[in-house]
Amino acid sequence: MFQVMLSSCFNDVAEKDAVNTANEINQIKAQNGVFEYNDAEFLVKAADGRLMDIKEGKLAIQKGTTEDIKEYGRLMVRDQNILLRELKKIANEKQITLPSTISQEKLQGNNELDKLFGEAFDKKFIKMMRIDHSRDVKLFEGTRNLKDEEIRVFAKNNLPMVQTHLDRINEIRGSQLND
């Protein structure tokens, strides 16, 4: 029965956003007692954010006009890949489905960023990173009420890194405004 429900879910959501697909699959698994849905929802949001930050980081390496932007891009690619690997490991152990690609909403933002060049790119990249990392700090802080201890520990242990990313992009923004 569970397999039939999952199969049906896959067929119904094949054309949908990868994040929505993962959430729908996880909803079925949670209803069948595999895990708490809120635990899965955190991992899906965190994975979507990591996938986006990796894409944005790669763009910054290619298109950034300052060494600060390029270095921040390298930091994003390195650190976000580390976090994503940890997320995937935890999700796999808990049978939680993660998105294979970023959400349509984040893809649209990434595509808009990719169209920019020069100072316009730098400004938009900084703005997006500040929004992304502010949201990530709140997301990681908001895990106190999750049922799964391993997921709570993951968030607690990685919150300082996420906060450091926000602090660093704010420093870059400040130095860009002073130039």
N, C-alpha and C. Protein backbone atom coordinates (compact mmCIF):
# COMPACT_ATOMS: atom_id res chain seq x y z
N MET A 1 0.83 -1.20 0.00
CA MET A 1 0.00 0.00 0.00
C MET A 1 0.87 1.26 0.00
N PHE A 2 1.88 1.28 0.88
CA PHE A 2 2.77 2.43 0.98
C PHE A 2 3.47 2.68 -0.35
N GLN A 3 3.96 1.61 -0.99
CA GLN A 3 4.64 1.73 -2.28
C GLN A 3 3.69 2.28 -3.35
N VAL A 4 2.44 1.81 -3.34
CA VAL A 4 1.45 2.28 -4.31
C VAL A 4 1.21 3.77 -4.12
N MET A 5 1.10 4.21 -2.87
CA MET A 5 0.88 5.63 -2.59
C MET A 5 2.07 6.45 -3.07
N LEU A 6 3.28 5.98 -2.81
CA LEU A 6 4.48 6.71 -3.25
C LEU A 6 4.56 6.74 -4.77
N SER A 7 4.26 5.62 -5.41
CA SER A 7 4.29 5.55 -6.86
C SER A 7 3.29 6.53 -7.45
N SER A 8 2.11 6.57 -6.90
CA SER A 8 1.08 7.50 -7.35
C SER A 8 1.54 8.94 -7.16
N CYS A 9 2.16 9.18 -6.04
CA CYS A 9 2.67 10.52 -5.74
C CYS A 9 3.71 10.94 -6.78
N PHE A 10 4.62 10.02 -7.11
CA PHE A 10 5.65 10.32 -8.12
C PHE A 10 5.00 10.66 -9.46
N ASN A 11 3.99 9.90 -9.85
CA ASN A 11 3.34 10.15 -11.12
C ASN A 11 2.62 11.50 -11.14
N ASP A 12 2.00 11.84 -10.02
CA ASP A 12 1.25 13.09 -9.95
C ASP A 12 2.15 14.32 -9.92
N VAL A 13 3.35 14.18 -9.38
CA VAL A 13 4.19 15.35 -9.17
C VAL A 13 5.41 15.39 -10.09
N ALA A 14 5.43 14.56 -11.10
CA ALA A 14 6.60 14.48 -11.98
C ALA A 14 6.94 15.83 -12.60
N GLU A 15 5.94 16.64 -12.88
CA GLU A 15 6.16 17.92 -13.53
C GLU A 15 6.29 19.07 -12.53
N LYS A 16 6.21 18.79 -11.25
CA LYS A 16 6.19 19.84 -10.24
C LYS A 16 7.59 20.22 -9.78
N ASP A 17 7.63 21.26 -9.04
CA ASP A 17 8.81 21.75 -8.36
C ASP A 17 9.43 20.64 -7.51
N ALA A 18 10.76 20.52 -7.54
CA ALA A 18 11.45 19.45 -6.81
C ALA A 18 11.23 19.54 -5.31
N VAL A 19 11.15 20.74 -4.78
CA VAL A 19 10.91 20.91 -3.35
C VAL A 19 9.49 20.48 -3.00
N ASN A 20 8.53 20.88 -3.81
CA ASN A 20 7.14 20.45 -3.57
C ASN A 20 7.02 18.93 -3.67
N THR A 21 7.70 18.36 -4.63
CA THR A 21 7.68 16.91 -4.80
C THR A 21 8.23 16.23 -3.54
N ALA A 22 9.38 16.68 -3.07
CA ALA A 22 9.97 16.09 -1.86
C ALA A 22 9.02 16.24 -0.68
N ASN A 23 8.42 17.41 -0.53
CA ASN A 23 7.50 17.63 0.58
C ASN A 23 6.28 16.71 0.50
N GLU A 24 5.76 16.51 -0.69
CA GLU A 24 4.59 15.64 -0.84
C GLU A 24 4.94 14.19 -0.52
N ILE A 25 6.09 13.74 -0.98
CA ILE A 25 6.53 12.37 -0.67
C ILE A 25 6.74 12.23 0.83
N ASN A 26 7.36 13.22 1.43
CA ASN A 26 7.62 13.17 2.88
C ASN A 26 6.33 13.22 3.68
N GLN A 27 5.34 13.92 3.18
CA GLN A 27 4.04 13.97 3.86
C GLN A 27 3.45 12.56 3.95
N ILE A 28 3.53 11.81 2.87
CA ILE A 28 3.01 10.44 2.87
C ILE A 28 3.80 9.58 3.85
N LYS A 29 5.11 9.69 3.81
CA LYS A 29 5.94 8.91 4.73
C LYS A 29 5.64 9.27 6.19
N ALA A 30 5.45 10.56 6.46
CA ALA A 30 5.14 11.00 7.83
C ALA A 30 3.78 10.47 8.27
N GLN A 31 2.81 10.46 7.37
CA GLN A 31 1.50 9.93 7.70
C GLN A 31 1.56 8.44 8.01
N ASN A 32 2.57 7.77 7.45
CA ASN A 32 2.77 6.35 7.71
C ASN A 32 3.73 6.10 8.87
N GLY A 33 4.07 7.14 9.60
CA GLY A 33 4.86 7.00 10.82
C GLY A 33 6.36 6.81 10.63
N VAL A 34 6.86 7.08 9.44
CA VAL A 34 8.29 6.89 9.19
C VAL A 34 9.11 7.93 9.96
N PHE A 35 8.61 9.17 10.03
CA PHE A 35 9.27 10.26 10.74
C PHE A 35 8.26 11.38 10.95
N GLU A 36 8.65 12.39 11.69
CA GLU A 36 7.81 13.57 11.89
C GLU A 36 7.96 14.49 10.67
N TYR A 37 6.87 15.00 10.15
CA TYR A 37 6.91 15.82 8.96
C TYR A 37 7.76 17.08 9.16
N ASN A 38 7.66 17.72 10.32
CA ASN A 38 8.42 18.95 10.56
C ASN A 38 9.92 18.72 10.46
N ASP A 39 10.38 17.55 10.88
CA ASP A 39 11.80 17.21 10.76
C ASP A 39 12.19 17.17 9.29
N ALA A 40 11.37 16.52 8.49
CA ALA A 40 11.63 16.41 7.05
C ALA A 40 11.56 17.78 6.39
N GLU A 41 10.58 18.57 6.78
CA GLU A 41 10.41 19.89 6.19
C GLU A 41 11.66 20.76 6.40
N PHE A 42 12.24 20.70 7.59
CA PHE A 42 13.49 21.44 7.85
C PHE A 42 14.58 20.98 6.89
N LEU A 43 14.77 19.68 6.76
CA LEU A 43 15.84 19.18 5.89
C LEU A 43 15.61 19.57 4.43
N VAL A 44 14.38 19.56 3.98
CA VAL A 44 14.07 19.96 2.61
C VAL A 44 14.39 21.44 2.40
N LYS A 45 13.95 22.29 3.32
CA LYS A 45 14.25 23.72 3.20
C LYS A 45 15.75 23.97 3.26
N ALA A 46 16.43 23.28 4.17
CA ALA A 46 17.88 23.45 4.30
C ALA A 46 18.60 22.98 3.03
N ALA A 47 18.16 21.88 2.46
CA ALA A 47 18.78 21.38 1.23
C ALA A 47 18.54 22.35 0.07
N ASP A 48 17.33 22.86 -0.05
CA ASP A 48 17.01 23.83 -1.10
C ASP A 48 17.91 25.06 -0.98
N GLY A 49 18.10 25.53 0.23
CA GLY A 49 18.97 26.68 0.46
C GLY A 49 20.42 26.39 0.10
N ARG A 50 20.88 25.18 0.44
CA ARG A 50 22.28 24.82 0.12
C ARG A 50 22.47 24.73 -1.39
N LEU A 51 21.51 24.12 -2.07
CA LEU A 51 21.60 24.00 -3.53
C LEU A 51 21.64 25.39 -4.18
N MET A 52 20.83 26.30 -3.66
CA MET A 52 20.81 27.65 -4.21
C MET A 52 22.12 28.37 -3.93
N ASP A 53 22.62 28.26 -2.71
CA ASP A 53 23.86 28.96 -2.37
C ASP A 53 25.04 28.45 -3.19
N ILE A 54 25.04 27.18 -3.51
CA ILE A 54 26.10 26.62 -4.36
C ILE A 54 26.02 27.25 -5.75
N LYS A 55 24.81 27.31 -6.31
CA LYS A 55 24.63 27.92 -7.63
C LYS A 55 25.04 29.39 -7.62
N GLU A 56 24.60 30.13 -6.60
CA GLU A 56 24.96 31.53 -6.50
C GLU A 56 26.46 31.70 -6.32
N GLY A 57 27.06 30.83 -5.52
CA GLY A 57 28.51 30.89 -5.32
C GLY A 57 29.28 30.70 -6.61
N LYS A 58 28.84 29.74 -7.42
CA LYS A 58 29.50 29.50 -8.71
C LYS A 58 29.39 30.72 -9.62
N LEU A 59 28.23 31.37 -9.60
CA LEU A 59 28.07 32.58 -10.39
C LEU A 59 29.00 33.69 -9.89
N ALA A 60 29.14 33.81 -8.57
CA ALA A 60 30.01 34.84 -8.00
C ALA A 60 31.46 34.62 -8.40
N ILE A 61 31.89 33.37 -8.44
CA ILE A 61 33.26 33.05 -8.86
C ILE A 61 33.47 33.50 -10.31
N GLN A 62 32.47 33.26 -11.14
CA GLN A 62 32.58 33.60 -12.57
C GLN A 62 32.41 35.09 -12.85
N LYS A 63 31.44 35.72 -12.16
CA LYS A 63 31.01 37.05 -12.56
C LYS A 63 31.35 38.16 -11.58
N GLY A 64 31.76 37.82 -10.38
CA GLY A 64 32.06 38.85 -9.40
C GLY A 64 33.13 39.79 -9.91
N THR A 65 33.00 41.08 -9.57
CA THR A 65 33.97 42.05 -10.06
C THR A 65 35.05 42.35 -9.04
N THR A 66 34.88 41.89 -7.80
CA THR A 66 35.89 42.12 -6.77
C THR A 66 36.38 40.77 -6.24
N GLU A 67 37.58 40.80 -5.70
CA GLU A 67 38.11 39.57 -5.11
C GLU A 67 37.27 39.14 -3.91
N ASP A 68 36.70 40.08 -3.16
CA ASP A 68 35.83 39.74 -2.03
C ASP A 68 34.63 38.92 -2.50
N ILE A 69 34.00 39.34 -3.59
CA ILE A 69 32.83 38.61 -4.11
C ILE A 69 33.25 37.24 -4.61
N LYS A 70 34.34 37.16 -5.33
CA LYS A 70 34.81 35.88 -5.85
C LYS A 70 35.19 34.93 -4.71
N GLU A 71 35.86 35.45 -3.69
CA GLU A 71 36.25 34.63 -2.54
C GLU A 71 35.02 34.16 -1.78
N TYR A 72 34.03 35.03 -1.64
CA TYR A 72 32.79 34.63 -0.98
C TYR A 72 32.10 33.53 -1.78
N GLY A 73 32.13 33.64 -3.09
CA GLY A 73 31.58 32.58 -3.94
C GLY A 73 32.28 31.26 -3.69
N ARG A 74 33.60 31.28 -3.58
CA ARG A 74 34.35 30.04 -3.30
C ARG A 74 33.97 29.48 -1.92
N LEU A 75 33.79 30.39 -0.95
CA LEU A 75 33.37 29.98 0.39
C LEU A 75 32.00 29.30 0.33
N MET A 76 31.08 29.87 -0.45
CA MET A 76 29.75 29.28 -0.56
C MET A 76 29.82 27.89 -1.17
N VAL A 77 30.54 27.75 -2.25
CA VAL A 77 30.63 26.45 -2.91
C VAL A 77 31.21 25.42 -1.95
N ARG A 78 32.29 25.77 -1.27
CA ARG A 78 32.94 24.83 -0.36
C ARG A 78 32.04 24.48 0.84
N ASP A 79 31.61 25.50 1.58
CA ASP A 79 30.85 25.25 2.82
C ASP A 79 29.48 24.66 2.55
N GLN A 80 28.81 25.14 1.51
CA GLN A 80 27.46 24.64 1.23
C GLN A 80 27.50 23.19 0.75
N ASN A 81 28.54 22.81 0.02
CA ASN A 81 28.68 21.40 -0.35
C ASN A 81 28.90 20.52 0.88
N ILE A 82 29.66 21.00 1.84
CA ILE A 82 29.87 20.25 3.09
C ILE A 82 28.54 20.07 3.81
N LEU A 83 27.79 21.16 3.96
CA LEU A 83 26.48 21.08 4.63
C LEU A 83 25.52 20.18 3.87
N LEU A 84 25.52 20.28 2.56
CA LEU A 84 24.62 19.45 1.75
C LEU A 84 24.94 17.97 1.92
N ARG A 85 26.22 17.64 1.96
CA ARG A 85 26.60 16.22 2.18
C ARG A 85 26.09 15.73 3.53
N GLU A 86 26.22 16.55 4.55
CA GLU A 86 25.72 16.18 5.88
C GLU A 86 24.21 16.01 5.86
N LEU A 87 23.52 16.95 5.22
CA LEU A 87 22.05 16.87 5.11
C LEU A 87 21.62 15.59 4.41
N LYS A 88 22.29 15.27 3.32
CA LYS A 88 21.94 14.07 2.56
C LYS A 88 22.17 12.81 3.40
N LYS A 89 23.22 12.79 4.16
CA LYS A 89 23.51 11.63 5.01
C LYS A 89 22.41 11.44 6.06
N ILE A 90 22.05 12.51 6.72
CA ILE A 90 20.99 12.45 7.73
C ILE A 90 19.67 12.04 7.08
N ALA A 91 19.33 12.68 5.96
CA ALA A 91 18.07 12.37 5.27
C ALA A 91 18.04 10.90 4.86
N ASN A 92 19.13 10.40 4.34
CA ASN A 92 19.19 9.01 3.92
C ASN A 92 18.95 8.07 5.11
N GLU A 93 19.59 8.35 6.21
CA GLU A 93 19.42 7.52 7.42
C GLU A 93 17.98 7.52 7.91
N LYS A 94 17.29 8.64 7.73
CA LYS A 94 15.93 8.80 8.25
C LYS A 94 14.86 8.53 7.20
N GLN A 95 15.27 8.16 5.99
CA GLN A 95 14.37 7.90 4.87
C GLN A 95 13.59 9.13 4.44
N ILE A 96 14.20 10.30 4.61
CA ILE A 96 13.60 11.57 4.22
C ILE A 96 14.03 11.89 2.79
N THR A 97 13.06 12.24 1.96
CA THR A 97 13.33 12.59 0.57
C THR A 97 13.72 14.05 0.49
N LEU A 98 14.85 14.32 -0.17
CA LEU A 98 15.30 15.69 -0.39
C LEU A 98 15.10 16.05 -1.86
N PRO A 99 15.00 17.34 -2.15
CA PRO A 99 14.87 17.75 -3.56
C PRO A 99 16.16 17.48 -4.31
N SER A 100 16.03 17.10 -5.56
CA SER A 100 17.21 16.83 -6.40
C SER A 100 17.73 18.12 -7.04
N THR A 101 16.89 19.13 -7.12
CA THR A 101 17.26 20.42 -7.68
C THR A 101 16.62 21.51 -6.83
N ILE A 102 17.02 22.75 -7.07
CA ILE A 102 16.44 23.85 -6.31
C ILE A 102 14.99 24.08 -6.73
N SER A 103 14.26 24.73 -5.85
CA SER A 103 12.86 25.05 -6.12
C SER A 103 12.75 25.98 -7.32
N GLN A 104 11.58 26.00 -7.93
CA GLN A 104 11.34 26.88 -9.07
C GLN A 104 11.53 28.35 -8.67
N GLU A 105 11.10 28.69 -7.48
CA GLU A 105 11.25 30.07 -6.99
C GLU A 105 12.73 30.46 -6.92
N LYS A 106 13.54 29.59 -6.35
CA LYS A 106 14.97 29.88 -6.23
C LYS A 106 15.65 29.84 -7.60
N LEU A 107 15.20 28.95 -8.47
CA LEU A 107 15.76 28.89 -9.82
C LEU A 107 15.49 30.19 -10.57
N GLN A 108 14.32 30.73 -10.39
CA GLN A 108 13.98 32.00 -11.03
C GLN A 108 14.92 33.11 -10.53
N GLY A 109 15.16 33.15 -9.22
CA GLY A 109 16.08 34.15 -8.67
C GLY A 109 17.49 33.95 -9.20
N ASN A 110 17.92 32.70 -9.29
CA ASN A 110 19.25 32.40 -9.81
C ASN A 110 19.37 32.82 -11.27
N ASN A 111 18.33 32.57 -12.05
CA ASN A 111 18.34 32.96 -13.47
C ASN A 111 18.41 34.48 -13.63
N GLU A 112 17.71 35.20 -12.76
CA GLU A 112 17.76 36.66 -12.80
C GLU A 112 19.18 37.14 -12.48
N LEU A 113 19.81 36.53 -11.48
CA LEU A 113 21.18 36.89 -11.11
C LEU A 113 22.14 36.60 -12.26
N ASP A 114 21.94 35.48 -12.92
CA ASP A 114 22.83 35.06 -14.00
C ASP A 114 22.81 36.03 -15.19
N LYS A 115 21.73 36.79 -15.35
CA LYS A 115 21.61 37.72 -16.46
C LYS A 115 22.38 39.02 -16.23
N LEU A 116 22.83 39.24 -15.00
CA LEU A 116 23.49 40.50 -14.65
C LEU A 116 25.00 40.41 -14.81
N PHE A 117 25.61 41.58 -14.97
CA PHE A 117 27.07 41.68 -15.10
C PHE A 117 27.56 42.89 -14.32
N GLY A 118 28.86 42.89 -14.03
CA GLY A 118 29.50 44.05 -13.42
C GLY A 118 28.95 44.37 -12.04
N GLU A 119 28.87 45.66 -11.77
CA GLU A 119 28.42 46.14 -10.46
C GLU A 119 26.98 45.71 -10.17
N ALA A 120 26.14 45.65 -11.20
CA ALA A 120 24.76 45.22 -11.01
C ALA A 120 24.72 43.78 -10.48
N PHE A 121 25.60 42.93 -11.01
CA PHE A 121 25.69 41.55 -10.51
C PHE A 121 26.10 41.57 -9.05
N ASP A 122 27.17 42.28 -8.72
CA ASP A 122 27.68 42.31 -7.35
C ASP A 122 26.60 42.74 -6.36
N LYS A 123 25.90 43.81 -6.70
CA LYS A 123 24.86 44.33 -5.80
C LYS A 123 23.74 43.32 -5.59
N LYS A 124 23.29 42.72 -6.68
CA LYS A 124 22.19 41.73 -6.59
C LYS A 124 22.67 40.50 -5.82
N PHE A 125 23.90 40.06 -6.07
CA PHE A 125 24.45 38.90 -5.36
C PHE A 125 24.49 39.18 -3.86
N ILE A 126 25.00 40.32 -3.47
CA ILE A 126 25.08 40.67 -2.05
C ILE A 126 23.68 40.70 -1.45
N LYS A 127 22.75 41.32 -2.14
CA LYS A 127 21.37 41.40 -1.64
C LYS A 127 20.77 40.00 -1.46
N MET A 128 20.96 39.14 -2.46
CA MET A 128 20.41 37.79 -2.38
C MET A 128 21.05 37.00 -1.24
N MET A 129 22.37 37.11 -1.09
CA MET A 129 23.07 36.39 -0.03
C MET A 129 22.60 36.85 1.35
N ARG A 130 22.39 38.15 1.50
CA ARG A 130 21.91 38.66 2.79
C ARG A 130 20.52 38.12 3.11
N ILE A 131 19.66 38.10 2.12
CA ILE A 131 18.31 37.56 2.31
C ILE A 131 18.39 36.06 2.61
N ASP A 132 19.15 35.33 1.80
CA ASP A 132 19.28 33.88 1.98
C ASP A 132 19.80 33.53 3.37
N HIS A 133 20.87 34.20 3.79
CA HIS A 133 21.49 33.82 5.06
C HIS A 133 20.71 34.32 6.27
N SER A 134 19.99 35.43 6.13
CA SER A 134 19.09 35.84 7.22
C SER A 134 17.99 34.80 7.40
N ARG A 135 17.46 34.33 6.30
CA ARG A 135 16.42 33.29 6.34
C ARG A 135 17.00 31.99 6.91
N ASP A 136 18.23 31.65 6.50
CA ASP A 136 18.87 30.42 7.00
C ASP A 136 19.12 30.48 8.51
N VAL A 137 19.56 31.62 9.01
CA VAL A 137 19.78 31.75 10.45
C VAL A 137 18.48 31.47 11.19
N LYS A 138 17.39 32.06 10.73
CA LYS A 138 16.07 31.83 11.36
C LYS A 138 15.67 30.36 11.24
N LEU A 139 15.90 29.77 10.09
CA LEU A 139 15.55 28.36 9.87
C LEU A 139 16.32 27.47 10.85
N PHE A 140 17.62 27.66 10.95
CA PHE A 140 18.43 26.82 11.82
C PHE A 140 18.12 27.08 13.29
N GLU A 141 17.82 28.32 13.64
CA GLU A 141 17.43 28.63 15.02
C GLU A 141 16.08 28.02 15.37
N GLY A 142 15.23 27.86 14.38
CA GLY A 142 13.87 27.38 14.61
C GLY A 142 13.73 25.88 14.78
N THR A 143 14.83 25.18 14.93
CA THR A 143 14.76 23.71 15.02
C THR A 143 14.61 23.21 16.45
N ARG A 144 14.53 24.10 17.40
CA ARG A 144 14.46 23.68 18.82
C ARG A 144 13.28 22.75 19.10
N ASN A 145 12.20 22.91 18.35
CA ASN A 145 10.98 22.11 18.60
C ASN A 145 10.88 20.86 17.74
N LEU A 146 11.90 20.57 16.95
CA LEU A 146 11.86 19.36 16.15
C LEU A 146 11.99 18.14 17.05
N LYS A 147 11.40 17.04 16.61
CA LYS A 147 11.41 15.80 17.40
C LYS A 147 12.75 15.08 17.31
N ASP A 148 13.37 15.12 16.15
CA ASP A 148 14.58 14.34 15.90
C ASP A 148 15.81 15.04 16.47
N GLU A 149 16.44 14.41 17.44
CA GLU A 149 17.59 15.00 18.11
C GLU A 149 18.78 15.19 17.17
N GLU A 150 19.01 14.23 16.28
CA GLU A 150 20.14 14.34 15.36
C GLU A 150 19.99 15.56 14.44
N ILE A 151 18.78 15.83 14.01
CA ILE A 151 18.53 16.99 13.16
C ILE A 151 18.71 18.28 13.97
N ARG A 152 18.23 18.29 15.21
CA ARG A 152 18.43 19.47 16.07
C ARG A 152 19.91 19.73 16.30
N VAL A 153 20.68 18.67 16.54
CA VAL A 153 22.13 18.81 16.78
C VAL A 153 22.82 19.31 15.51
N PHE A 154 22.43 18.78 14.35
CA PHE A 154 22.98 19.25 13.08
C PHE A 154 22.77 20.76 12.95
N ALA A 155 21.55 21.21 13.19
CA ALA A 155 21.23 22.64 13.05
C ALA A 155 22.03 23.46 14.07
N LYS A 156 22.07 23.01 15.29
CA LYS A 156 22.79 23.73 16.35
C LYS A 156 24.28 23.82 16.02
N ASN A 157 24.86 22.73 15.57
CA ASN A 157 26.29 22.70 15.27
C ASN A 157 26.65 23.53 14.05
N ASN A 158 25.73 23.68 13.11
CA ASN A 158 26.02 24.41 11.88
C ASN A 158 25.51 25.84 11.87
N LEU A 159 24.73 26.22 12.86
CA LEU A 159 24.26 27.60 12.96
C LEU A 159 25.41 28.61 12.99
N PRO A 160 26.48 28.36 13.73
CA PRO A 160 27.58 29.34 13.71
C PRO A 160 28.16 29.56 12.31
N MET A 161 28.26 28.52 11.50
CA MET A 161 28.76 28.68 10.13
C MET A 161 27.81 29.54 9.32
N VAL A 162 26.53 29.28 9.44
CA VAL A 162 25.54 30.05 8.70
C VAL A 162 25.59 31.52 9.14
N GLN A 163 25.71 31.74 10.44
CA GLN A 163 25.81 33.11 10.96
C GLN A 163 27.07 33.80 10.45
N THR A 164 28.17 33.06 10.38
CA THR A 164 29.43 33.61 9.85
C THR A 164 29.27 34.02 8.39
N HIS A 165 28.54 33.23 7.63
CA HIS A 165 28.28 33.58 6.22
C HIS A 165 27.51 34.90 6.14
N LEU A 166 26.50 35.06 6.99
CA LEU A 166 25.73 36.30 7.01
C LEU A 166 26.61 37.47 7.43
N ASP A 167 27.41 37.27 8.46
CA ASP A 167 28.31 38.33 8.93
C ASP A 167 29.29 38.74 7.83
N ARG A 168 29.84 37.77 7.14
CA ARG A 168 30.83 38.06 6.10
C ARG A 168 30.22 38.82 4.92
N ILE A 169 29.01 38.44 4.50
CA ILE A 169 28.39 39.16 3.38
C ILE A 169 28.02 40.57 3.81
N ASN A 170 27.66 40.75 5.08
CA ASN A 170 27.40 42.10 5.58
C ASN A 170 28.67 42.94 5.58
N GLU A 171 29.81 42.34 5.91
CA GLU A 171 31.10 43.05 5.85
C GLU A 171 31.41 43.45 4.40
N ILE A 172 31.20 42.53 3.49
CA ILE A 172 31.45 42.83 2.07
C ILE A 172 30.55 43.96 1.61
N ARG A 173 29.30 43.91 2.00
CA ARG A 173 28.35 44.97 1.64
C ARG A 173 28.83 46.31 2.18
N GLY A 174 29.27 46.30 3.44
CA GLY A 174 29.76 47.54 4.04
C GLY A 174 30.97 48.09 3.32
N SER A 175 31.89 47.22 2.93
CA SER A 175 33.08 47.70 2.22
C SER A 175 32.73 48.19 0.81
N GLN A 176 31.75 47.58 0.19
CA GLN A 176 31.32 48.00 -1.16
C GLN A 176 30.66 49.37 -1.10
N LEU A 177 29.91 49.62 -0.03
CA LEU A 177 29.22 50.91 0.11
C LEU A 177 30.22 52.03 0.38
N ASN A 178 31.34 51.69 1.01
CA ASN A 178 32.34 52.68 1.36
C ASN A 178 33.29 53.00 0.20
N ASP A 179 33.26 52.18 -0.85
CA ASP A 179 34.16 52.41 -1.99
C ASP A 179 33.70 53.55 -2.86
